[in-house]
Amino acid sequence: MVKVTTGEKGFAKNKGTVALRFKVNDSTLAFINVHMQKGNGKIPQRNAQLKMLIDDAFESVKGISRAFDHNFMFVLGDLNFRVARDNKSARK
């Protein structure tokens, strides 16, 4: 298991990633649980942060493949993306 921390300008460390990887038979699986910063209208920054979290998930452990190198990768958690619609139309 690997932890990658992030937060308000990198200082708060109250957001980040917990990643777990394992092998089942001949398949490798990576599970990445993220908790990202909130904020409306920051989609490019949020996408860049998500990519950084995924890229760094197994980077600190020598001999472990990067997340994108696994046969299956699951990204779960609080991505904090916002839906730009009112409640009624979003539910429809």
N, C-alpha and C. Protein backbone atom coordinates (compact mmCIF):
# COMPACT_ATOMS: atom_id res chain seq x y z
N MET A 1 0.85 -1.17 0.00
CA MET A 1 0.00 0.00 0.00
C MET A 1 0.90 1.23 0.00
N VAL A 2 0.49 2.25 -0.75
CA VAL A 2 1.25 3.47 -0.90
C VAL A 2 0.34 4.64 -0.64
N LYS A 3 0.85 5.69 0.02
CA LYS A 3 0.09 6.92 0.25
C LYS A 3 0.78 8.05 -0.49
N VAL A 4 -0.04 8.89 -1.16
CA VAL A 4 0.46 10.10 -1.80
C VAL A 4 -0.37 11.23 -1.23
N THR A 5 0.27 12.20 -0.57
CA THR A 5 -0.48 13.28 0.05
C THR A 5 -0.46 14.53 -0.80
N THR A 6 -1.51 15.29 -0.67
CA THR A 6 -1.62 16.59 -1.32
C THR A 6 -2.61 17.39 -0.48
N GLY A 7 -2.83 18.60 -0.81
CA GLY A 7 -3.76 19.44 -0.05
C GLY A 7 -3.60 20.86 -0.52
N GLU A 8 -4.10 21.79 0.27
CA GLU A 8 -4.03 23.19 -0.09
C GLU A 8 -2.58 23.59 -0.34
N LYS A 9 -2.25 23.82 -1.60
CA LYS A 9 -0.90 24.20 -2.04
C LYS A 9 0.16 23.21 -1.56
N GLY A 10 -0.24 21.95 -1.32
CA GLY A 10 0.70 20.93 -0.92
C GLY A 10 1.06 20.94 0.55
N PHE A 11 0.48 21.86 1.34
CA PHE A 11 0.86 21.98 2.74
C PHE A 11 -0.09 21.26 3.68
N ALA A 12 -1.39 21.29 3.41
CA ALA A 12 -2.37 20.76 4.35
C ALA A 12 -2.28 19.24 4.50
N LYS A 13 -1.96 18.56 3.43
CA LYS A 13 -1.83 17.09 3.42
C LYS A 13 -3.09 16.39 3.93
N ASN A 14 -4.24 17.02 3.72
CA ASN A 14 -5.51 16.42 4.12
C ASN A 14 -6.22 15.77 2.93
N LYS A 15 -5.59 15.77 1.80
CA LYS A 15 -6.11 15.14 0.59
C LYS A 15 -5.01 14.25 0.04
N GLY A 16 -5.40 13.34 -0.84
CA GLY A 16 -4.37 12.52 -1.45
C GLY A 16 -4.88 11.19 -1.92
N THR A 17 -4.03 10.18 -1.86
CA THR A 17 -4.30 8.89 -2.46
C THR A 17 -3.79 7.76 -1.58
N VAL A 18 -4.57 6.71 -1.56
CA VAL A 18 -4.10 5.44 -1.01
C VAL A 18 -4.23 4.44 -2.14
N ALA A 19 -3.16 3.73 -2.42
CA ALA A 19 -3.15 2.80 -3.56
C ALA A 19 -2.72 1.42 -3.10
N LEU A 20 -3.35 0.44 -3.70
CA LEU A 20 -3.08 -0.95 -3.38
C LEU A 20 -2.99 -1.72 -4.69
N ARG A 21 -2.03 -2.62 -4.77
CA ARG A 21 -1.92 -3.42 -5.98
C ARG A 21 -1.70 -4.87 -5.60
N PHE A 22 -2.17 -5.77 -6.45
CA PHE A 22 -1.93 -7.19 -6.21
C PHE A 22 -2.12 -7.96 -7.51
N LYS A 23 -1.73 -9.22 -7.47
CA LYS A 23 -1.80 -10.07 -8.65
C LYS A 23 -2.76 -11.22 -8.36
N VAL A 24 -3.65 -11.49 -9.30
CA VAL A 24 -4.56 -12.62 -9.23
C VAL A 24 -4.32 -13.46 -10.48
N ASN A 25 -3.84 -14.69 -10.28
CA ASN A 25 -3.43 -15.54 -11.39
C ASN A 25 -2.40 -14.79 -12.23
N ASP A 26 -2.70 -14.49 -13.47
CA ASP A 26 -1.75 -13.79 -14.33
C ASP A 26 -2.11 -12.32 -14.54
N SER A 27 -3.06 -11.81 -13.79
CA SER A 27 -3.50 -10.42 -13.96
C SER A 27 -3.06 -9.55 -12.78
N THR A 28 -2.59 -8.35 -13.10
CA THR A 28 -2.24 -7.40 -12.05
C THR A 28 -3.34 -6.36 -11.93
N LEU A 29 -3.69 -6.01 -10.70
CA LEU A 29 -4.76 -5.06 -10.43
C LEU A 29 -4.24 -3.94 -9.56
N ALA A 30 -4.64 -2.73 -9.86
CA ALA A 30 -4.29 -1.56 -9.05
C ALA A 30 -5.59 -0.87 -8.64
N PHE A 31 -5.73 -0.63 -7.33
CA PHE A 31 -6.88 0.11 -6.80
C PHE A 31 -6.34 1.41 -6.22
N ILE A 32 -6.88 2.51 -6.68
CA ILE A 32 -6.42 3.82 -6.25
C ILE A 32 -7.61 4.59 -5.72
N ASN A 33 -7.57 4.94 -4.44
CA ASN A 33 -8.64 5.70 -3.80
C ASN A 33 -8.13 7.12 -3.60
N VAL A 34 -8.82 8.09 -4.18
CA VAL A 34 -8.37 9.48 -4.12
C VAL A 34 -9.35 10.34 -3.35
N HIS A 35 -8.83 11.37 -2.72
CA HIS A 35 -9.63 12.43 -2.11
C HIS A 35 -9.00 13.73 -2.56
N MET A 36 -9.69 14.40 -3.50
CA MET A 36 -9.13 15.58 -4.14
C MET A 36 -9.74 16.84 -3.56
N GLN A 37 -9.08 17.98 -3.81
CA GLN A 37 -9.56 19.26 -3.34
C GLN A 37 -10.86 19.64 -4.04
N LYS A 38 -11.69 20.37 -3.31
CA LYS A 38 -12.95 20.84 -3.91
C LYS A 38 -12.70 22.11 -4.71
N GLY A 39 -13.70 22.52 -5.45
CA GLY A 39 -13.60 23.76 -6.19
C GLY A 39 -14.31 23.67 -7.52
N ASN A 40 -15.08 24.70 -7.83
CA ASN A 40 -15.81 24.74 -9.10
C ASN A 40 -14.93 25.35 -10.18
N GLY A 41 -15.15 24.88 -11.41
CA GLY A 41 -14.51 25.50 -12.56
C GLY A 41 -13.01 25.27 -12.66
N LYS A 42 -12.49 24.27 -12.01
CA LYS A 42 -11.05 24.00 -12.07
C LYS A 42 -10.79 22.64 -12.71
N ILE A 43 -11.51 22.35 -13.78
CA ILE A 43 -11.42 21.02 -14.39
C ILE A 43 -10.01 20.73 -14.92
N PRO A 44 -9.35 21.64 -15.65
CA PRO A 44 -7.99 21.31 -16.10
C PRO A 44 -7.02 21.04 -14.93
N GLN A 45 -7.12 21.84 -13.86
CA GLN A 45 -6.26 21.63 -12.70
C GLN A 45 -6.58 20.31 -12.00
N ARG A 46 -7.86 19.99 -11.90
CA ARG A 46 -8.29 18.76 -11.24
C ARG A 46 -7.83 17.54 -12.06
N ASN A 47 -7.95 17.61 -13.38
CA ASN A 47 -7.47 16.53 -14.25
C ASN A 47 -5.96 16.34 -14.09
N ALA A 48 -5.22 17.44 -14.02
CA ALA A 48 -3.76 17.36 -13.85
C ALA A 48 -3.42 16.77 -12.48
N GLN A 49 -4.18 17.16 -11.44
CA GLN A 49 -3.94 16.62 -10.11
C GLN A 49 -4.24 15.12 -10.07
N LEU A 50 -5.32 14.71 -10.71
CA LEU A 50 -5.68 13.29 -10.74
C LEU A 50 -4.59 12.49 -11.46
N LYS A 51 -4.11 13.01 -12.59
CA LYS A 51 -3.03 12.32 -13.32
C LYS A 51 -1.78 12.22 -12.45
N MET A 52 -1.43 13.30 -11.73
CA MET A 52 -0.26 13.29 -10.86
C MET A 52 -0.43 12.25 -9.75
N LEU A 53 -1.62 12.17 -9.15
CA LEU A 53 -1.86 11.20 -8.08
C LEU A 53 -1.72 9.77 -8.59
N ILE A 54 -2.27 9.51 -9.78
CA ILE A 54 -2.16 8.17 -10.37
C ILE A 54 -0.71 7.86 -10.73
N ASP A 55 -0.01 8.84 -11.35
CA ASP A 55 1.39 8.63 -11.73
C ASP A 55 2.27 8.37 -10.51
N ASP A 56 2.00 9.05 -9.40
CA ASP A 56 2.85 8.94 -8.21
C ASP A 56 2.45 7.79 -7.29
N ALA A 57 1.35 7.11 -7.59
CA ALA A 57 0.81 6.11 -6.66
C ALA A 57 1.81 5.03 -6.28
N PHE A 58 2.59 4.52 -7.21
CA PHE A 58 3.55 3.45 -6.90
C PHE A 58 4.98 3.88 -7.21
N GLU A 59 5.18 5.16 -7.43
CA GLU A 59 6.48 5.68 -7.84
C GLU A 59 7.54 5.53 -6.75
N SER A 60 7.15 5.60 -5.48
CA SER A 60 8.13 5.60 -4.39
C SER A 60 8.60 4.21 -3.99
N VAL A 61 8.02 3.17 -4.58
CA VAL A 61 8.38 1.80 -4.23
C VAL A 61 9.15 1.19 -5.39
N LYS A 62 10.41 0.91 -5.17
CA LYS A 62 11.24 0.34 -6.25
C LYS A 62 10.76 -1.06 -6.61
N GLY A 63 10.76 -1.35 -7.89
CA GLY A 63 10.38 -2.67 -8.36
C GLY A 63 8.89 -2.87 -8.54
N ILE A 64 8.10 -1.86 -8.26
CA ILE A 64 6.64 -1.97 -8.43
C ILE A 64 6.25 -1.18 -9.67
N SER A 65 5.45 -1.80 -10.50
CA SER A 65 5.01 -1.15 -11.74
C SER A 65 4.19 0.10 -11.45
N ARG A 66 4.23 1.03 -12.38
CA ARG A 66 3.37 2.21 -12.29
C ARG A 66 1.92 1.77 -12.42
N ALA A 67 1.00 2.60 -11.97
CA ALA A 67 -0.42 2.27 -11.98
C ALA A 67 -0.91 1.93 -13.39
N PHE A 68 -0.48 2.72 -14.38
CA PHE A 68 -0.96 2.51 -15.74
C PHE A 68 -0.39 1.23 -16.37
N ASP A 69 0.59 0.62 -15.74
CA ASP A 69 1.20 -0.61 -16.27
C ASP A 69 0.45 -1.87 -15.85
N HIS A 70 -0.55 -1.76 -15.01
CA HIS A 70 -1.30 -2.93 -14.54
C HIS A 70 -2.34 -3.34 -15.59
N ASN A 71 -2.77 -4.59 -15.53
CA ASN A 71 -3.80 -5.06 -16.45
C ASN A 71 -5.13 -4.35 -16.21
N PHE A 72 -5.43 -4.10 -14.94
CA PHE A 72 -6.69 -3.43 -14.57
C PHE A 72 -6.38 -2.36 -13.53
N MET A 73 -6.96 -1.18 -13.72
CA MET A 73 -6.79 -0.10 -12.76
C MET A 73 -8.17 0.47 -12.41
N PHE A 74 -8.43 0.60 -11.12
CA PHE A 74 -9.69 1.15 -10.65
C PHE A 74 -9.39 2.41 -9.85
N VAL A 75 -10.03 3.51 -10.24
CA VAL A 75 -9.87 4.77 -9.52
C VAL A 75 -11.21 5.07 -8.86
N LEU A 76 -11.18 5.19 -7.54
CA LEU A 76 -12.39 5.38 -6.74
C LEU A 76 -12.18 6.55 -5.80
N GLY A 77 -13.24 6.99 -5.15
CA GLY A 77 -13.10 7.97 -4.09
C GLY A 77 -13.83 9.26 -4.38
N ASP A 78 -13.41 10.31 -3.69
CA ASP A 78 -14.02 11.63 -3.80
C ASP A 78 -13.18 12.47 -4.75
N LEU A 79 -13.58 12.46 -6.01
CA LEU A 79 -12.86 13.22 -7.03
C LEU A 79 -13.18 14.70 -6.95
N ASN A 80 -14.29 15.04 -6.30
CA ASN A 80 -14.73 16.43 -6.10
C ASN A 80 -14.96 17.18 -7.41
N PHE A 81 -15.29 16.46 -8.48
CA PHE A 81 -15.74 17.13 -9.69
C PHE A 81 -17.14 17.65 -9.44
N ARG A 82 -17.51 18.72 -10.05
CA ARG A 82 -18.83 19.32 -9.87
C ARG A 82 -19.65 19.18 -11.15
N VAL A 83 -20.94 18.94 -10.98
CA VAL A 83 -21.85 18.88 -12.11
C VAL A 83 -22.39 20.29 -12.33
N ALA A 84 -22.23 20.82 -13.53
CA ALA A 84 -22.65 22.19 -13.83
C ALA A 84 -24.10 22.22 -14.28
N ARG A 85 -24.99 21.67 -13.46
CA ARG A 85 -26.42 21.65 -13.75
C ARG A 85 -27.18 21.81 -12.45
N ASP A 86 -28.42 22.23 -12.59
CA ASP A 86 -29.25 22.29 -11.39
C ASP A 86 -29.67 20.87 -11.00
N ASN A 87 -30.10 20.71 -9.79
CA ASN A 87 -30.42 19.41 -9.21
C ASN A 87 -31.44 18.62 -10.06
N LYS A 88 -32.50 19.29 -10.49
CA LYS A 88 -33.56 18.62 -11.23
C LYS A 88 -33.06 18.06 -12.57
N SER A 89 -32.36 18.88 -13.35
CA SER A 89 -31.89 18.39 -14.65
C SER A 89 -30.79 17.35 -14.50
N ALA A 90 -29.96 17.45 -13.46
CA ALA A 90 -28.93 16.45 -13.24
C ALA A 90 -29.54 15.09 -12.90
N ARG A 91 -30.60 15.07 -12.11
CA ARG A 91 -31.24 13.82 -11.76
C ARG A 91 -31.98 13.20 -12.94
N LYS A 92 -32.48 14.04 -13.84
CA LYS A 92 -33.19 13.54 -15.01
C LYS A 92 -32.23 12.81 -15.93
